[in-house]
Amino acid sequence: MYVRARRVRLAVVSPDSPRKTYLTGLAAARSKTATGIVREVLPAQGDRALNEFITEYDWDEDQLNHERLEKLQNHGETRWSQDVYIVIDDSVFQRTGKELLGIGEFYDRTEGKPGWGQNLVYSFYTDDKTSYPLVFRQYEKADDEDQNDDDETKYDLSREMITELEEEVSVPADTYLLDSWLAHDSNLIKHVESTVKLGWTAAERSAGDLRQRGDARRCAGRAHRQSRPNNRRGDVQNLDEDTASLEVRRDTAGNRRESH
């Protein structure tokens, strides 16, 4: 799903269309690689057909992704539940090519050093049953040296994703977990509060916390249990120091207060 293509019109789906096959593979395959999808929905030696669809057919990646999420709601294991957590983070996917879209040198917080690859800002769904990616944006460095504040640009991409999740995808999330570097932008916190209208967010201490714990749901659940709002204004309190570095609170007048 991280392959970008030309943004063009999308044809009507017929039962035997390549896009229908691709969506079926995304929903069924444990591995979301081309080989993993082919193993589920196409005969052996079918990799070429899938690659041709991705690179040569006219399709819109946003609409395709939304249809993928709709299909996941048809299965009990992947259907959205009541207690939902959405993780917002970014990752650098290492590459060797020089001509790929958005390729460049980015600071990899997981490795703690710059790396050559593609940088994605993404949202991730997790509950007590399953976890899977929702929507994403590819970050590209600005050519103008006067506009090279990558964090500010990633904030904008994160706001776009949150708006898309709430207004187009309609994920029933009651908790957003933001990495600590994202929480530095108070406008992003305000955007979550105003768009989601649930009034509370949590920030991880470091980029590697979820991965090092090995269980995003356990980490999210921990923040959830200790941070349950005690009123409809969304009073966030008692965030565990190992889980979050930022508290977002509203007083009785509805004003926002923040503490680290």
C-alpha atoms as a PDB file:
ATOM      1  CA  MET A   1       0.000   0.000   0.000  1.00  0.00           C
ATOM      2  CA  TYR A   2       2.994   2.287   0.075  1.00  0.00           C
ATOM      3  CA  VAL A   3       3.291   2.406  -3.706  1.00  0.00           C
ATOM      4  CA  ARG A   4       2.123   5.695  -5.163  1.00  0.00           C
ATOM      5  CA  ALA A   5       0.656   5.891  -8.640  1.00  0.00           C
ATOM      6  CA  ARG A   6      -0.822   8.458 -10.984  1.00  0.00           C
ATOM      7  CA  ARG A   7      -3.857  10.140  -9.429  1.00  0.00           C
ATOM      8  CA  VAL A   8      -6.484   9.594 -12.122  1.00  0.00           C
ATOM      9  CA  ARG A   9     -10.092   8.523 -12.464  1.00  0.00           C
ATOM     10  CA  LEU A  10     -11.080   5.156 -11.087  1.00  0.00           C
ATOM     11  CA  ALA A  11     -13.200   2.840 -13.220  1.00  0.00           C
ATOM     12  CA  VAL A  12     -16.277   1.020 -11.915  1.00  0.00           C
ATOM     13  CA  VAL A  13     -15.326  -2.248 -10.244  1.00  0.00           C
ATOM     14  CA  SER A  14     -16.517  -5.460 -11.838  1.00  0.00           C
ATOM     15  CA  PRO A  15     -16.369  -8.738  -9.861  1.00  0.00           C
ATOM     16  CA  ASP A  16     -13.361  -9.952 -11.847  1.00  0.00           C
ATOM     17  CA  SER A  17     -11.510  -6.630 -12.119  1.00  0.00           C
ATOM     18  CA  PRO A  18      -7.828  -6.325 -11.103  1.00  0.00           C
ATOM     19  CA  ARG A  19      -8.743  -3.819  -8.390  1.00  0.00           C
ATOM     20  CA  LYS A  20     -11.274  -6.223  -6.867  1.00  0.00           C
ATOM     21  CA  THR A  21      -8.573  -8.893  -6.806  1.00  0.00           C
ATOM     22  CA  TYR A  22      -6.099  -6.500  -5.199  1.00  0.00           C
ATOM     23  CA  LEU A  23      -8.579  -5.480  -2.477  1.00  0.00           C
ATOM     24  CA  THR A  24      -9.372  -9.110  -1.752  1.00  0.00           C
ATOM     25  CA  GLY A  25      -5.679  -9.844  -1.374  1.00  0.00           C
ATOM     26  CA  LEU A  26      -5.168  -6.906   0.975  1.00  0.00           C
ATOM     27  CA  ALA A  27      -7.969  -8.130   3.219  1.00  0.00           C
ATOM     28  CA  ALA A  28      -6.991 -11.805   3.148  1.00  0.00           C
ATOM     29  CA  ALA A  29      -3.200 -11.863   3.039  1.00  0.00           C
ATOM     30  CA  ARG A  30      -1.212 -11.932   6.243  1.00  0.00           C
ATOM     31  CA  SER A  31       1.734 -10.448   4.349  1.00  0.00           C
ATOM     32  CA  LYS A  32       0.745  -7.283   2.457  1.00  0.00           C
ATOM     33  CA  THR A  33       3.600  -7.575  -0.037  1.00  0.00           C
ATOM     34  CA  ALA A  34       2.973  -8.297  -3.720  1.00  0.00           C
ATOM     35  CA  THR A  35       4.026 -11.914  -3.203  1.00  0.00           C
ATOM     36  CA  GLY A  36       1.784 -12.325  -0.154  1.00  0.00           C
ATOM     37  CA  ILE A  37      -1.256 -10.936  -1.973  1.00  0.00           C
ATOM     38  CA  VAL A  38      -0.614 -13.069  -5.046  1.00  0.00           C
ATOM     39  CA  ARG A  39      -0.376 -16.186  -2.880  1.00  0.00           C
ATOM     40  CA  GLU A  40      -3.964 -15.616  -1.691  1.00  0.00           C
ATOM     41  CA  VAL A  41      -5.810 -14.526  -4.837  1.00  0.00           C
ATOM     42  CA  LEU A  42      -3.865 -15.377  -7.988  1.00  0.00           C
ATOM     43  CA  PRO A  43      -2.446 -18.562  -9.488  1.00  0.00           C
ATOM     44  CA  ALA A  44       1.250 -19.258  -9.056  1.00  0.00           C
ATOM     45  CA  GLN A  45       3.472 -17.051 -11.210  1.00  0.00           C
ATOM     46  CA  GLY A  46       0.856 -14.296 -10.951  1.00  0.00           C
ATOM     47  CA  ASP A  47       3.175 -11.619  -9.546  1.00  0.00           C
ATOM     48  CA  ARG A  48       3.492  -9.951 -12.913  1.00  0.00           C
ATOM     49  CA  ALA A  49      -0.263  -9.328 -13.191  1.00  0.00           C
ATOM     50  CA  LEU A  50      -0.350  -7.553  -9.835  1.00  0.00           C
ATOM     51  CA  ASN A  51       2.711  -5.465 -10.661  1.00  0.00           C
ATOM     52  CA  GLU A  52       1.112  -4.452 -13.955  1.00  0.00           C
ATOM     53  CA  PHE A  53      -2.029  -3.364 -12.136  1.00  0.00           C
ATOM     54  CA  ILE A  54      -0.063  -1.234  -9.672  1.00  0.00           C
ATOM     55  CA  THR A  55       2.127   0.441 -12.283  1.00  0.00           C
ATOM     56  CA  GLU A  56       0.049   0.530 -15.477  1.00  0.00           C
ATOM     57  CA  TYR A  57      -3.664   0.663 -14.613  1.00  0.00           C
ATOM     58  CA  ASP A  58      -5.576   3.838 -13.807  1.00  0.00           C
ATOM     59  CA  TRP A  59      -6.514   3.904 -10.127  1.00  0.00           C
ATOM     60  CA  ASP A  60      -6.732   6.303  -7.211  1.00  0.00           C
ATOM     61  CA  GLU A  61      -4.795   5.206  -4.140  1.00  0.00           C
ATOM     62  CA  ASP A  62      -6.997   7.101  -1.664  1.00  0.00           C
ATOM     63  CA  GLN A  63     -10.229   5.553  -2.923  1.00  0.00           C
ATOM     64  CA  LEU A  64      -8.583   2.134  -3.054  1.00  0.00           C
ATOM     65  CA  ASN A  65      -7.408   2.515   0.529  1.00  0.00           C
ATOM     66  CA  HIS A  66     -10.871   3.594   1.708  1.00  0.00           C
ATOM     67  CA  GLU A  67     -12.388   0.525   0.048  1.00  0.00           C
ATOM     68  CA  ARG A  68      -9.779  -1.646   1.770  1.00  0.00           C
ATOM     69  CA  LEU A  69     -10.879  -0.241   5.138  1.00  0.00           C
ATOM     70  CA  GLU A  70     -14.542  -0.805   4.254  1.00  0.00           C
ATOM     71  CA  LYS A  71     -13.857  -4.449   3.414  1.00  0.00           C
ATOM     72  CA  LEU A  72     -12.080  -4.943   6.726  1.00  0.00           C
ATOM     73  CA  GLN A  73     -15.374  -4.073   8.447  1.00  0.00           C
ATOM     74  CA  ASN A  74     -16.907  -7.246   6.981  1.00  0.00           C
ATOM     75  CA  HIS A  75     -14.731  -9.472   9.169  1.00  0.00           C
ATOM     76  CA  GLY A  76     -15.133  -9.834  12.928  1.00  0.00           C
ATOM     77  CA  GLU A  77     -11.415  -9.847  13.652  1.00  0.00           C
ATOM     78  CA  THR A  78     -10.763  -6.561  11.828  1.00  0.00           C
ATOM     79  CA  ARG A  79     -14.101  -4.788  12.389  1.00  0.00           C
ATOM     80  CA  TRP A  80     -13.865  -1.566  14.410  1.00  0.00           C
ATOM     81  CA  SER A  81     -14.723  -1.989  18.059  1.00  0.00           C
ATOM     82  CA  GLN A  82     -15.775   0.327  20.890  1.00  0.00           C
ATOM     83  CA  ASP A  83     -12.364   0.953  22.492  1.00  0.00           C
ATOM     84  CA  VAL A  84     -10.217   2.144  19.605  1.00  0.00           C
ATOM     85  CA  TYR A  85      -6.744   3.670  19.632  1.00  0.00           C
ATOM     86  CA  ILE A  86      -5.113   5.462  16.723  1.00  0.00           C
ATOM     87  CA  VAL A  87      -1.337   5.871  16.703  1.00  0.00           C
ATOM     88  CA  ILE A  88       0.181   8.740  14.681  1.00  0.00           C
ATOM     89  CA  ASP A  89       3.884   8.377  13.866  1.00  0.00           C
ATOM     90  CA  ASP A  90       6.376   8.445  11.012  1.00  0.00           C
ATOM     91  CA  SER A  91       8.875   5.920   9.664  1.00  0.00           C
ATOM     92  CA  VAL A  92      11.748   5.899   7.199  1.00  0.00           C
ATOM     93  CA  PHE A  93      11.611   2.954   4.785  1.00  0.00           C
ATOM     94  CA  GLN A  94      15.150   2.289   3.616  1.00  0.00           C
ATOM     95  CA  ARG A  95      15.696   2.160  -0.134  1.00  0.00           C
ATOM     96  CA  THR A  96      18.694   1.954  -2.454  1.00  0.00           C
ATOM     97  CA  GLY A  97      17.266   3.603  -5.583  1.00  0.00           C
ATOM     98  CA  LYS A  98      17.927   7.227  -6.473  1.00  0.00           C
ATOM     99  CA  GLU A  99      14.889   7.968  -8.666  1.00  0.00           C
ATOM    100  CA  LEU A 100      12.018   6.836  -6.422  1.00  0.00           C
ATOM    101  CA  LEU A 101       9.245   9.271  -5.534  1.00  0.00           C
ATOM    102  CA  GLY A 102      10.178  11.352  -2.496  1.00  0.00           C
ATOM    103  CA  ILE A 103      13.489   9.556  -2.022  1.00  0.00           C
ATOM    104  CA  GLY A 104      16.081  11.300   0.114  1.00  0.00           C
ATOM    105  CA  GLU A 105      18.021  11.327   3.357  1.00  0.00           C
ATOM    106  CA  PHE A 106      15.818  11.503   6.443  1.00  0.00           C
ATOM    107  CA  TYR A 107      16.532  11.222  10.129  1.00  0.00           C
ATOM    108  CA  ASP A 108      15.402   7.773  11.259  1.00  0.00           C
ATOM    109  CA  ARG A 109      14.297   7.984  14.900  1.00  0.00           C
ATOM    110  CA  THR A 110      14.305   4.204  15.214  1.00  0.00           C
ATOM    111  CA  GLU A 111      17.947   3.921  14.165  1.00  0.00           C
ATOM    112  CA  GLY A 112      18.957   7.231  15.735  1.00  0.00           C
ATOM    113  CA  LYS A 113      20.711   8.426  12.584  1.00  0.00           C
ATOM    114  CA  PRO A 114      19.995   9.643   9.032  1.00  0.00           C
ATOM    115  CA  GLY A 115      19.050   7.039   6.458  1.00  0.00           C
ATOM    116  CA  TRP A 116      18.366   6.916   2.719  1.00  0.00           C
ATOM    117  CA  GLY A 117      14.790   6.065   1.865  1.00  0.00           C
ATOM    118  CA  GLN A 118      11.173   7.233   1.769  1.00  0.00           C
ATOM    119  CA  ASN A 119       9.557   8.921   4.755  1.00  0.00           C
ATOM    120  CA  LEU A 120       5.911   8.165   5.596  1.00  0.00           C
ATOM    121  CA  VAL A 121       3.701   9.788   8.201  1.00  0.00           C
ATOM    122  CA  TYR A 122       1.006   7.252   9.012  1.00  0.00           C
ATOM    123  CA  SER A 123      -1.940   6.416  11.243  1.00  0.00           C
ATOM    124  CA  PHE A 124      -2.361   2.968  12.772  1.00  0.00           C
ATOM    125  CA  TYR A 125      -5.520   1.349  14.143  1.00  0.00           C
ATOM    126  CA  THR A 126      -5.292  -0.857  17.230  1.00  0.00           C
ATOM    127  CA  ASP A 127      -7.796  -2.464  19.606  1.00  0.00           C
ATOM    128  CA  ASP A 128      -7.885  -5.596  21.760  1.00  0.00           C
ATOM    129  CA  LYS A 129      -8.304  -7.818  18.668  1.00  0.00           C
ATOM    130  CA  THR A 130      -6.038  -6.524  15.939  1.00  0.00           C
ATOM    131  CA  SER A 131      -3.831  -3.775  14.526  1.00  0.00           C
ATOM    132  CA  TYR A 132      -3.475  -2.483  10.968  1.00  0.00           C
ATOM    133  CA  PRO A 133      -2.549   0.703   9.052  1.00  0.00           C
ATOM    134  CA  LEU A 134      -5.240   3.261   8.240  1.00  0.00           C
ATOM    135  CA  VAL A 135      -4.172   6.221   6.101  1.00  0.00           C
ATOM    136  CA  PHE A 136      -0.763   7.698   5.390  1.00  0.00           C
ATOM    137  CA  ARG A 137       1.045  10.597   3.749  1.00  0.00           C
ATOM    138  CA  GLN A 138       4.464  10.571   2.143  1.00  0.00           C
ATOM    139  CA  TYR A 139       6.686  13.368   3.344  1.00  0.00           C
ATOM    140  CA  GLU A 140       8.899  15.004   0.748  1.00  0.00           C
ATOM    141  CA  LYS A 141      11.580  17.521   1.567  1.00  0.00           C
ATOM    142  CA  ALA A 142      11.063  20.982   0.122  1.00  0.00           C
ATOM    143  CA  ASP A 143      13.502  22.062  -2.580  1.00  0.00           C
ATOM    144  CA  ASP A 144      13.603  25.605  -1.229  1.00  0.00           C
ATOM    145  CA  GLU A 145      16.152  25.826   1.586  1.00  0.00           C
ATOM    146  CA  ASP A 146      13.947  28.421   3.262  1.00  0.00           C
ATOM    147  CA  GLN A 147      11.217  25.788   3.672  1.00  0.00           C
ATOM    148  CA  ASN A 148      13.150  22.881   5.138  1.00  0.00           C
ATOM    149  CA  ASP A 149      11.368  22.578   8.498  1.00  0.00           C
ATOM    150  CA  ASP A 150      10.374  18.940   8.146  1.00  0.00           C
ATOM    151  CA  ASP A 151       8.602  18.781  11.523  1.00  0.00           C
ATOM    152  CA  GLU A 152       6.280  21.628  10.587  1.00  0.00           C
ATOM    153  CA  THR A 153       5.424  19.926   7.312  1.00  0.00           C
ATOM    154  CA  LYS A 154       4.801  16.621   9.067  1.00  0.00           C
ATOM    155  CA  TYR A 155       2.453  18.396  11.445  1.00  0.00           C
ATOM    156  CA  ASP A 156       0.428  19.512   8.430  1.00  0.00           C
ATOM    157  CA  LEU A 157       0.332  15.953   7.072  1.00  0.00           C
ATOM    158  CA  SER A 158      -0.804  14.657  10.464  1.00  0.00           C
ATOM    159  CA  ARG A 159      -3.638  17.187  10.583  1.00  0.00           C
ATOM    160  CA  GLU A 160      -4.729  16.104   7.099  1.00  0.00           C
ATOM    161  CA  MET A 161      -4.818  12.461   8.176  1.00  0.00           C
ATOM    162  CA  ILE A 162      -6.827  13.168  11.320  1.00  0.00           C
ATOM    163  CA  THR A 163      -9.379  15.139   9.299  1.00  0.00           C
ATOM    164  CA  GLU A 164      -9.598  12.304   6.752  1.00  0.00           C
ATOM    165  CA  LEU A 165     -10.052   9.683   9.474  1.00  0.00           C
ATOM    166  CA  GLU A 166     -12.862  11.621  11.130  1.00  0.00           C
ATOM    167  CA  GLU A 167     -14.710  13.063   8.132  1.00  0.00           C
ATOM    168  CA  GLU A 168     -14.188  10.443   5.403  1.00  0.00           C
ATOM    169  CA  VAL A 169     -13.228   7.146   7.039  1.00  0.00           C
ATOM    170  CA  SER A 170     -15.228   7.694  10.264  1.00  0.00           C
ATOM    171  CA  VAL A 171     -13.060   5.596  12.560  1.00  0.00           C
ATOM    172  CA  PRO A 172     -14.740   5.527  16.017  1.00  0.00           C
ATOM    173  CA  ALA A 173     -11.553   6.387  17.913  1.00  0.00           C
ATOM    174  CA  ASP A 174     -11.668   7.571  21.512  1.00  0.00           C
ATOM    175  CA  THR A 175      -7.888   7.830  21.957  1.00  0.00           C
ATOM    176  CA  TYR A 176      -5.118   9.247  19.779  1.00  0.00           C
ATOM    177  CA  LEU A 177      -1.549   8.336  20.717  1.00  0.00           C
ATOM    178  CA  LEU A 178       0.957  10.828  19.356  1.00  0.00           C
ATOM    179  CA  ASP A 179       4.708  10.466  19.384  1.00  0.00           C
ATOM    180  CA  SER A 180       6.404  13.052  21.588  1.00  0.00           C
ATOM    181  CA  TRP A 181       7.850  15.065  18.689  1.00  0.00           C
ATOM    182  CA  LEU A 182       4.339  15.485  17.260  1.00  0.00           C
ATOM    183  CA  ALA A 183       3.014  16.688  20.609  1.00  0.00           C
ATOM    184  CA  HIS A 184       5.396  19.647  20.464  1.00  0.00           C
ATOM    185  CA  ASP A 185       3.020  21.307  17.996  1.00  0.00           C
ATOM    186  CA  SER A 186       0.186  22.664  20.137  1.00  0.00           C
ATOM    187  CA  ASN A 187      -1.855  23.367  17.000  1.00  0.00           C
ATOM    188  CA  LEU A 188      -1.902  19.641  16.231  1.00  0.00           C
ATOM    189  CA  ILE A 189      -3.219  18.886  19.724  1.00  0.00           C
ATOM    190  CA  LYS A 190      -5.898  21.543  19.259  1.00  0.00           C
ATOM    191  CA  HIS A 191      -6.766  20.064  15.884  1.00  0.00           C
ATOM    192  CA  VAL A 192      -7.322  16.633  17.442  1.00  0.00           C
ATOM    193  CA  GLU A 193      -9.507  18.156  20.132  1.00  0.00           C
ATOM    194  CA  SER A 194     -11.599  20.208  17.709  1.00  0.00           C
ATOM    195  CA  THR A 195     -11.889  17.545  14.986  1.00  0.00           C
ATOM    196  CA  VAL A 196     -12.391  14.446  17.114  1.00  0.00           C
ATOM    197  CA  LYS A 197     -14.360  16.333  19.790  1.00  0.00           C
ATOM    198  CA  LEU A 198     -13.343  13.870  22.461  1.00  0.00           C
ATOM    199  CA  GLY A 199     -11.034  16.244  24.240  1.00  0.00           C
ATOM    200  CA  TRP A 200      -8.073  14.092  25.144  1.00  0.00           C
ATOM    201  CA  THR A 201      -4.857  12.863  23.632  1.00  0.00           C
ATOM    202  CA  ALA A 202      -1.725  11.144  24.847  1.00  0.00           C
ATOM    203  CA  ALA A 203       1.867  11.408  23.726  1.00  0.00           C
ATOM    204  CA  GLU A 204       4.538   8.749  23.941  1.00  0.00           C
ATOM    205  CA  ARG A 205       7.863   9.591  25.474  1.00  0.00           C
ATOM    206  CA  SER A 206       9.943   8.451  22.520  1.00  0.00           C
ATOM    207  CA  ALA A 207       9.571   7.184  18.965  1.00  0.00           C
ATOM    208  CA  GLY A 208      10.584   3.662  19.911  1.00  0.00           C
ATOM    209  CA  ASP A 209       8.303   3.096  22.912  1.00  0.00           C
ATOM    210  CA  LEU A 210       5.603   1.100  21.127  1.00  0.00           C
ATOM    211  CA  ARG A 211       8.053  -0.953  19.105  1.00  0.00           C
ATOM    212  CA  GLN A 212      10.291  -1.680  22.089  1.00  0.00           C
ATOM    213  CA  ARG A 213       7.304  -2.791  24.161  1.00  0.00           C
ATOM    214  CA  GLY A 214       6.323  -5.121  21.343  1.00  0.00           C
ATOM    215  CA  ASP A 215       2.617  -4.558  21.961  1.00  0.00           C
ATOM    216  CA  ALA A 216       1.016  -1.297  20.903  1.00  0.00           C
ATOM    217  CA  ARG A 217      -2.334  -2.326  22.356  1.00  0.00           C
ATOM    218  CA  ARG A 218      -0.925  -2.926  25.831  1.00  0.00           C
ATOM    219  CA  CYS A 219       0.761   0.483  25.805  1.00  0.00           C
ATOM    220  CA  ALA A 220      -2.386   2.190  24.512  1.00  0.00           C
ATOM    221  CA  GLY A 221      -4.589   0.382  26.992  1.00  0.00           C
ATOM    222  CA  ARG A 222      -2.364   1.454  29.822  1.00  0.00           C
ATOM    223  CA  ALA A 223      -2.740   5.102  28.860  1.00  0.00           C
ATOM    224  CA  HIS A 224      -6.472   4.587  28.399  1.00  0.00           C
ATOM    225  CA  ARG A 225      -7.082   3.090  31.836  1.00  0.00           C
ATOM    226  CA  GLN A 226      -5.069   5.749  33.606  1.00  0.00           C
ATOM    227  CA  SER A 227      -6.395   8.635  31.538  1.00  0.00           C
ATOM    228  CA  ARG A 228     -10.142   8.003  31.259  1.00  0.00           C
ATOM    229  CA  PRO A 229     -11.884  11.413  31.053  1.00  0.00           C
ATOM    230  CA  ASN A 230     -14.001  12.134  34.119  1.00  0.00           C
ATOM    231  CA  ASN A 231     -16.332  14.510  32.270  1.00  0.00           C
ATOM    232  CA  ARG A 232     -17.487  15.273  28.761  1.00  0.00           C
ATOM    233  CA  ARG A 233     -14.970  18.070  28.414  1.00  0.00           C
ATOM    234  CA  GLY A 234     -12.208  15.496  28.358  1.00  0.00           C
ATOM    235  CA  ASP A 235     -10.140  16.023  31.496  1.00  0.00           C
ATOM    236  CA  VAL A 236      -6.924  14.073  30.955  1.00  0.00           C
ATOM    237  CA  GLN A 237      -4.988  13.278  34.095  1.00  0.00           C
ATOM    238  CA  ASN A 238      -2.600  10.836  35.767  1.00  0.00           C
ATOM    239  CA  LEU A 239      -0.721   9.919  32.602  1.00  0.00           C
ATOM    240  CA  ASP A 240       1.957   7.359  33.391  1.00  0.00           C
ATOM    241  CA  GLU A 241       5.465   8.792  32.935  1.00  0.00           C
ATOM    242  CA  ASP A 242       6.597   5.726  31.000  1.00  0.00           C
ATOM    243  CA  THR A 243       3.702   6.036  28.587  1.00  0.00           C
ATOM    244  CA  ALA A 244       3.175   9.733  28.012  1.00  0.00           C
ATOM    245  CA  SER A 245       5.113  12.963  28.293  1.00  0.00           C
ATOM    246  CA  LEU A 246       2.265  15.419  27.820  1.00  0.00           C
ATOM    247  CA  GLU A 247      -0.998  16.013  29.630  1.00  0.00           C
ATOM    248  CA  VAL A 248      -3.828  17.813  27.875  1.00  0.00           C
ATOM    249  CA  ARG A 249      -6.524  19.073  30.211  1.00  0.00           C
ATOM    250  CA  ARG A 250      -9.614  21.224  30.116  1.00  0.00           C
ATOM    251  CA  ASP A 251     -10.748  23.119  33.162  1.00  0.00           C
ATOM    252  CA  THR A 252     -14.383  23.652  34.084  1.00  0.00           C
ATOM    253  CA  ALA A 253     -14.550  26.675  31.775  1.00  0.00           C
ATOM    254  CA  GLY A 254     -13.420  24.589  28.809  1.00  0.00           C
ATOM    255  CA  ASN A 255     -10.007  26.231  28.527  1.00  0.00           C
ATOM    256  CA  ARG A 256      -7.052  24.088  27.503  1.00  0.00           C
ATOM    257  CA  ARG A 257      -4.149  23.560  29.882  1.00  0.00           C
ATOM    258  CA  GLU A 258      -0.982  21.640  29.253  1.00  0.00           C
ATOM    259  CA  SER A 259       1.717  20.169  31.472  1.00  0.00           C
ATOM    260  CA  HIS A 260       4.814  18.065  30.803  1.00  0.00           C
END
